[in-house]
Amino acid sequence: MRQPKSRPTNETDNKPRIDWPAVLVSHDRWLRTVVYARVGEAQAVDEVMQEVSLAAVRQQAPINDVEKVTPWLYRLAVIHSLLYRRKQGRRRKLLDRFVQRTQPTEYDRGNSPLEWLLAKERKGQIRKAMKCIPRRDVEILLLKYTEDWSYRQLAEHLGITESAIEARLHRARLRLRAELVKLEVIEVKP
């Protein structure tokens, strides 16, 4: 893991100031994975990441300890993801009220190849299973398997111990497997 760059110290204080643009660029990929795991919409990731970046640059109590930057950014990404989801929930309620007042549109029944349909159905079932497990589990599974992070990298970025990561991953896998079995995406081996 790359350590955040720091700017030269001020003469008034002896602590190095953190170069936030460089820090945000170096942590961008995994923070985007965390945000995606929390919001579940690829198109929303940029919007949430803008908010995270603004919050990092405009912070009320500046962080000067380079070791605390990564867990702090993680918490910032989670908070702004939750704020985004709350905003989207309000928007959905407003849209639902509007739709109830208007006539529903005709359902488009376009013909598709069988393979495309089956793949889409399987993806839908996996998404459905992912929605049934806690967001923290989705987040850690995506970081582990899409970013291919080690337990150490996960622990460093999330600010917890490696043994806690092992336990969380184990529970997340079990929960996802149970949901996939319920949806009959996978079979239980005797």
C-alpha atoms as a PDB file:
ATOM      1  CA  MET A   1       0.000   0.000   0.000  1.00  0.00           C
ATOM      2  CA  ARG A   2       1.266   3.425  -0.869  1.00  0.00           C
ATOM      3  CA  GLN A   3       1.547   5.834   2.022  1.00  0.00           C
ATOM      4  CA  PRO A   4      -0.160   9.194   1.568  1.00  0.00           C
ATOM      5  CA  LYS A   5       2.137  11.984   0.489  1.00  0.00           C
ATOM      6  CA  SER A   6       2.580  14.867   2.838  1.00  0.00           C
ATOM      7  CA  ARG A   7       3.347  18.470   2.109  1.00  0.00           C
ATOM      8  CA  PRO A   8       6.192  20.337   3.740  1.00  0.00           C
ATOM      9  CA  THR A   9       5.557  21.454   7.282  1.00  0.00           C
ATOM     10  CA  ASN A  10       4.367  24.904   8.177  1.00  0.00           C
ATOM     11  CA  GLU A  11       6.722  27.040  10.191  1.00  0.00           C
ATOM     12  CA  THR A  12       3.930  27.626  12.713  1.00  0.00           C
ATOM     13  CA  ASP A  13       3.378  23.921  13.359  1.00  0.00           C
ATOM     14  CA  ASN A  14       5.856  21.076  13.018  1.00  0.00           C
ATOM     15  CA  LYS A  15       3.337  18.560  11.646  1.00  0.00           C
ATOM     16  CA  PRO A  16       3.373  17.685   7.932  1.00  0.00           C
ATOM     17  CA  ARG A  17       0.244  18.604   6.019  1.00  0.00           C
ATOM     18  CA  ILE A  18      -1.309  15.897   3.891  1.00  0.00           C
ATOM     19  CA  ASP A  19      -1.509  16.320   0.117  1.00  0.00           C
ATOM     20  CA  TRP A  20      -5.219  15.457  -0.217  1.00  0.00           C
ATOM     21  CA  PRO A  21      -5.419  15.331  -4.027  1.00  0.00           C
ATOM     22  CA  ALA A  22      -2.600  12.773  -4.100  1.00  0.00           C
ATOM     23  CA  VAL A  23      -4.127  10.792  -1.224  1.00  0.00           C
ATOM     24  CA  LEU A  24      -7.532  10.705  -2.900  1.00  0.00           C
ATOM     25  CA  VAL A  25      -6.027   9.555  -6.193  1.00  0.00           C
ATOM     26  CA  SER A  26      -4.056   6.775  -4.492  1.00  0.00           C
ATOM     27  CA  HIS A  27      -7.139   5.493  -2.612  1.00  0.00           C
ATOM     28  CA  ASP A  28      -9.678   6.085  -5.383  1.00  0.00           C
ATOM     29  CA  ARG A  29     -10.143   2.504  -6.636  1.00  0.00           C
ATOM     30  CA  TRP A  30     -10.857   0.781  -3.330  1.00  0.00           C
ATOM     31  CA  LEU A  31     -12.992   3.687  -2.078  1.00  0.00           C
ATOM     32  CA  ARG A  32     -15.086   3.367  -5.236  1.00  0.00           C
ATOM     33  CA  THR A  33     -15.557  -0.330  -4.467  1.00  0.00           C
ATOM     34  CA  VAL A  34     -16.732   0.526  -0.940  1.00  0.00           C
ATOM     35  CA  VAL A  35     -19.142   3.136  -2.293  1.00  0.00           C
ATOM     36  CA  TYR A  36     -20.479   0.740  -4.932  1.00  0.00           C
ATOM     37  CA  ALA A  37     -21.033  -1.935  -2.291  1.00  0.00           C
ATOM     38  CA  ARG A  38     -22.994   0.565  -0.200  1.00  0.00           C
ATOM     39  CA  VAL A  39     -25.093   2.257  -2.885  1.00  0.00           C
ATOM     40  CA  GLY A  40     -25.450  -0.638  -5.330  1.00  0.00           C
ATOM     41  CA  GLU A  41     -25.586   1.661  -8.372  1.00  0.00           C
ATOM     42  CA  ALA A  42     -22.587   2.083 -10.655  1.00  0.00           C
ATOM     43  CA  GLN A  43     -23.783   5.466 -11.912  1.00  0.00           C
ATOM     44  CA  ALA A  44     -23.960   6.829  -8.341  1.00  0.00           C
ATOM     45  CA  VAL A  45     -20.328   6.116  -7.486  1.00  0.00           C
ATOM     46  CA  ASP A  46     -18.973   9.281  -9.138  1.00  0.00           C
ATOM     47  CA  GLU A  47     -21.492  11.459  -7.336  1.00  0.00           C
ATOM     48  CA  VAL A  48     -20.684   9.963  -3.941  1.00  0.00           C
ATOM     49  CA  MET A  49     -16.936  10.102  -4.599  1.00  0.00           C
ATOM     50  CA  GLN A  50     -17.232  13.824  -5.335  1.00  0.00           C
ATOM     51  CA  GLU A  51     -18.847  14.300  -1.943  1.00  0.00           C
ATOM     52  CA  VAL A  52     -16.120  12.219  -0.265  1.00  0.00           C
ATOM     53  CA  SER A  53     -13.414  14.271  -1.974  1.00  0.00           C
ATOM     54  CA  LEU A  54     -15.024  17.560  -0.993  1.00  0.00           C
ATOM     55  CA  ALA A  55     -15.427  16.410   2.597  1.00  0.00           C
ATOM     56  CA  ALA A  56     -11.788  15.306   2.738  1.00  0.00           C
ATOM     57  CA  VAL A  57     -10.518  18.619   1.411  1.00  0.00           C
ATOM     58  CA  ARG A  58     -12.884  20.760   3.524  1.00  0.00           C
ATOM     59  CA  GLN A  59     -12.487  18.789   6.748  1.00  0.00           C
ATOM     60  CA  GLN A  60     -13.407  20.611   9.954  1.00  0.00           C
ATOM     61  CA  ALA A  61     -10.716  19.042  12.156  1.00  0.00           C
ATOM     62  CA  PRO A  62      -7.657  18.479   9.943  1.00  0.00           C
ATOM     63  CA  ILE A  63      -5.990  15.083  10.151  1.00  0.00           C
ATOM     64  CA  ASN A  64      -2.235  15.269  10.401  1.00  0.00           C
ATOM     65  CA  ASP A  65      -1.508  11.648  11.306  1.00  0.00           C
ATOM     66  CA  VAL A  66      -0.790   9.814   8.046  1.00  0.00           C
ATOM     67  CA  GLU A  67      -1.586   6.461   9.696  1.00  0.00           C
ATOM     68  CA  LYS A  68      -5.198   7.518  10.373  1.00  0.00           C
ATOM     69  CA  VAL A  69      -5.987   8.738   6.864  1.00  0.00           C
ATOM     70  CA  THR A  70      -7.016   5.392   5.345  1.00  0.00           C
ATOM     71  CA  PRO A  71      -9.573   4.351   8.013  1.00  0.00           C
ATOM     72  CA  TRP A  72     -10.862   7.931   8.094  1.00  0.00           C
ATOM     73  CA  LEU A  73     -11.425   7.905   4.321  1.00  0.00           C
ATOM     74  CA  TYR A  74     -13.224   4.569   4.670  1.00  0.00           C
ATOM     75  CA  ARG A  75     -15.601   6.035   7.275  1.00  0.00           C
ATOM     76  CA  LEU A  76     -16.119   9.108   5.091  1.00  0.00           C
ATOM     77  CA  ALA A  77     -17.043   6.902   2.112  1.00  0.00           C
ATOM     78  CA  VAL A  78     -19.528   4.935   4.233  1.00  0.00           C
ATOM     79  CA  ILE A  79     -21.153   8.088   5.630  1.00  0.00           C
ATOM     80  CA  HIS A  80     -21.559   9.712   2.225  1.00  0.00           C
ATOM     81  CA  SER A  81     -22.867   6.463   0.738  1.00  0.00           C
ATOM     82  CA  LEU A  82     -25.525   6.333   3.428  1.00  0.00           C
ATOM     83  CA  LEU A  83     -26.433   9.972   2.831  1.00  0.00           C
ATOM     84  CA  TYR A  84     -26.777   9.229  -0.881  1.00  0.00           C
ATOM     85  CA  ARG A  85     -29.028   6.231  -0.205  1.00  0.00           C
ATOM     86  CA  ARG A  86     -31.218   8.347   2.065  1.00  0.00           C
ATOM     87  CA  LYS A  87     -31.523  11.000  -0.644  1.00  0.00           C
ATOM     88  CA  GLN A  88     -32.365   8.324  -3.237  1.00  0.00           C
ATOM     89  CA  GLY A  89     -34.990   6.833  -0.922  1.00  0.00           C
ATOM     90  CA  ARG A  90     -36.721  10.186  -0.691  1.00  0.00           C
ATOM     91  CA  ARG A  91     -36.528  10.556  -4.465  1.00  0.00           C
ATOM     92  CA  ARG A  92     -38.002   7.062  -4.974  1.00  0.00           C
ATOM     93  CA  LYS A  93     -40.918   7.811  -2.660  1.00  0.00           C
ATOM     94  CA  LEU A  94     -41.656  10.973  -4.587  1.00  0.00           C
ATOM     95  CA  LEU A  95     -41.460   9.105  -7.891  1.00  0.00           C
ATOM     96  CA  ASP A  96     -43.706   6.295  -6.570  1.00  0.00           C
ATOM     97  CA  ARG A  97     -46.342   8.825  -5.565  1.00  0.00           C
ATOM     98  CA  PHE A  98     -46.168  10.343  -9.043  1.00  0.00           C
ATOM     99  CA  VAL A  99     -46.431   6.933 -10.751  1.00  0.00           C
ATOM    100  CA  GLN A 100     -49.462   5.996  -8.654  1.00  0.00           C
ATOM    101  CA  ARG A 101     -51.234   9.095  -9.956  1.00  0.00           C
ATOM    102  CA  THR A 102     -50.454   8.351 -13.607  1.00  0.00           C
ATOM    103  CA  GLN A 103     -51.273   5.387 -15.819  1.00  0.00           C
ATOM    104  CA  PRO A 104     -48.620   2.656 -16.047  1.00  0.00           C
ATOM    105  CA  THR A 105     -46.861   2.321 -19.393  1.00  0.00           C
ATOM    106  CA  GLU A 106     -47.131  -0.775 -21.564  1.00  0.00           C
ATOM    107  CA  TYR A 107     -44.553  -3.456 -20.743  1.00  0.00           C
ATOM    108  CA  ASP A 108     -41.995  -3.901 -23.520  1.00  0.00           C
ATOM    109  CA  ARG A 109     -41.750  -7.564 -24.480  1.00  0.00           C
ATOM    110  CA  GLY A 110     -38.709  -7.603 -26.744  1.00  0.00           C
ATOM    111  CA  ASN A 111     -37.390 -10.983 -27.890  1.00  0.00           C
ATOM    112  CA  SER A 112     -33.959 -11.942 -26.526  1.00  0.00           C
ATOM    113  CA  PRO A 113     -31.697 -14.962 -26.976  1.00  0.00           C
ATOM    114  CA  LEU A 114     -32.076 -17.639 -24.331  1.00  0.00           C
ATOM    115  CA  GLU A 115     -28.483 -17.322 -23.144  1.00  0.00           C
ATOM    116  CA  TRP A 116     -28.858 -13.602 -22.580  1.00  0.00           C
ATOM    117  CA  LEU A 117     -32.039 -14.163 -20.649  1.00  0.00           C
ATOM    118  CA  LEU A 118     -30.539 -16.871 -18.436  1.00  0.00           C
ATOM    119  CA  ALA A 119     -27.415 -14.796 -17.737  1.00  0.00           C
ATOM    120  CA  LYS A 120     -29.528 -11.786 -16.875  1.00  0.00           C
ATOM    121  CA  GLU A 121     -31.700 -13.908 -14.582  1.00  0.00           C
ATOM    122  CA  ARG A 122     -28.659 -15.360 -12.799  1.00  0.00           C
ATOM    123  CA  LYS A 123     -27.156 -11.891 -12.316  1.00  0.00           C
ATOM    124  CA  GLY A 124     -30.477 -10.720 -10.988  1.00  0.00           C
ATOM    125  CA  GLN A 125     -30.591 -13.604  -8.511  1.00  0.00           C
ATOM    126  CA  ILE A 126     -27.051 -12.898  -7.341  1.00  0.00           C
ATOM    127  CA  ARG A 127     -27.899  -9.207  -6.905  1.00  0.00           C
ATOM    128  CA  LYS A 128     -31.015 -10.238  -5.020  1.00  0.00           C
ATOM    129  CA  ALA A 129     -28.924 -12.461  -2.731  1.00  0.00           C
ATOM    130  CA  MET A 130     -26.425  -9.631  -2.200  1.00  0.00           C
ATOM    131  CA  LYS A 131     -29.280  -7.322  -1.191  1.00  0.00           C
ATOM    132  CA  CYS A 132     -30.369  -9.842   1.451  1.00  0.00           C
ATOM    133  CA  ILE A 133     -27.062  -9.805   3.282  1.00  0.00           C
ATOM    134  CA  PRO A 134     -25.784  -6.832   5.309  1.00  0.00           C
ATOM    135  CA  ARG A 135     -24.074  -4.020   3.379  1.00  0.00           C
ATOM    136  CA  ARG A 136     -20.878  -4.540   5.375  1.00  0.00           C
ATOM    137  CA  ASP A 137     -20.757  -8.114   4.064  1.00  0.00           C
ATOM    138  CA  VAL A 138     -21.296  -6.985   0.461  1.00  0.00           C
ATOM    139  CA  GLU A 139     -18.568  -4.398   0.885  1.00  0.00           C
ATOM    140  CA  ILE A 140     -15.966  -6.795   2.260  1.00  0.00           C
ATOM    141  CA  LEU A 141     -16.784  -9.467  -0.353  1.00  0.00           C
ATOM    142  CA  LEU A 142     -16.422  -6.970  -3.189  1.00  0.00           C
ATOM    143  CA  LEU A 143     -13.140  -5.626  -1.829  1.00  0.00           C
ATOM    144  CA  LYS A 144     -11.781  -9.136  -1.371  1.00  0.00           C
ATOM    145  CA  TYR A 145     -12.886 -10.619  -4.681  1.00  0.00           C
ATOM    146  CA  THR A 146     -13.063  -7.709  -7.117  1.00  0.00           C
ATOM    147  CA  GLU A 147      -9.979  -5.895  -5.840  1.00  0.00           C
ATOM    148  CA  ASP A 148      -8.189  -9.161  -4.916  1.00  0.00           C
ATOM    149  CA  TRP A 149      -7.001  -7.750  -1.591  1.00  0.00           C
ATOM    150  CA  SER A 150      -5.212  -9.792   1.055  1.00  0.00           C
ATOM    151  CA  TYR A 151      -6.424  -9.939   4.655  1.00  0.00           C
ATOM    152  CA  ARG A 152      -3.658  -7.498   5.576  1.00  0.00           C
ATOM    153  CA  GLN A 153      -4.738  -4.973   2.955  1.00  0.00           C
ATOM    154  CA  LEU A 154      -8.354  -5.237   4.064  1.00  0.00           C
ATOM    155  CA  ALA A 155      -7.351  -4.777   7.699  1.00  0.00           C
ATOM    156  CA  GLU A 156      -5.223  -1.718   6.918  1.00  0.00           C
ATOM    157  CA  HIS A 157      -7.884  -0.035   4.820  1.00  0.00           C
ATOM    158  CA  LEU A 158     -10.824  -0.792   7.100  1.00  0.00           C
ATOM    159  CA  GLY A 159      -8.941  -0.060  10.305  1.00  0.00           C
ATOM    160  CA  ILE A 160      -9.531  -3.445  11.980  1.00  0.00           C
ATOM    161  CA  THR A 161      -7.406  -6.512  12.756  1.00  0.00           C
ATOM    162  CA  GLU A 162      -6.682  -9.335  10.313  1.00  0.00           C
ATOM    163  CA  SER A 163      -8.468 -11.837  12.570  1.00  0.00           C
ATOM    164  CA  ALA A 164     -11.558  -9.607  12.491  1.00  0.00           C
ATOM    165  CA  ILE A 165     -11.306  -9.538   8.680  1.00  0.00           C
ATOM    166  CA  GLU A 166     -11.091 -13.348   8.563  1.00  0.00           C
ATOM    167  CA  ALA A 167     -14.159 -13.663  10.778  1.00  0.00           C
ATOM    168  CA  ARG A 168     -16.146 -11.074   8.808  1.00  0.00           C
ATOM    169  CA  LEU A 169     -15.260 -12.681   5.465  1.00  0.00           C
ATOM    170  CA  HIS A 170     -16.196 -16.128   6.750  1.00  0.00           C
ATOM    171  CA  ARG A 171     -19.583 -14.893   7.987  1.00  0.00           C
ATOM    172  CA  ALA A 172     -20.167 -12.922   4.771  1.00  0.00           C
ATOM    173  CA  ARG A 173     -19.459 -15.990   2.614  1.00  0.00           C
ATOM    174  CA  LEU A 174     -21.791 -18.126   4.730  1.00  0.00           C
ATOM    175  CA  ARG A 175     -24.582 -15.554   4.516  1.00  0.00           C
ATOM    176  CA  LEU A 176     -24.205 -15.168   0.752  1.00  0.00           C
ATOM    177  CA  ARG A 177     -24.092 -18.938   0.246  1.00  0.00           C
ATOM    178  CA  ALA A 178     -27.261 -19.358   2.332  1.00  0.00           C
ATOM    179  CA  GLU A 179     -29.076 -16.725   0.266  1.00  0.00           C
ATOM    180  CA  LEU A 180     -27.932 -18.303  -3.009  1.00  0.00           C
ATOM    181  CA  VAL A 181     -29.208 -21.686  -1.807  1.00  0.00           C
ATOM    182  CA  LYS A 182     -32.578 -20.121  -0.880  1.00  0.00           C
ATOM    183  CA  LEU A 183     -32.844 -18.637  -4.368  1.00  0.00           C
ATOM    184  CA  GLU A 184     -31.765 -21.979  -5.879  1.00  0.00           C
ATOM    185  CA  VAL A 185     -28.804 -20.406  -7.650  1.00  0.00           C
ATOM    186  CA  ILE A 186     -26.520 -23.041  -6.152  1.00  0.00           C
ATOM    187  CA  GLU A 187     -27.269 -26.492  -4.833  1.00  0.00           C
ATOM    188  CA  VAL A 188     -26.467 -27.852  -1.403  1.00  0.00           C
ATOM    189  CA  LYS A 189     -24.027 -30.740  -1.622  1.00  0.00           C
ATOM    190  CA  PRO A 190     -24.928 -33.652   0.635  1.00  0.00           C
END
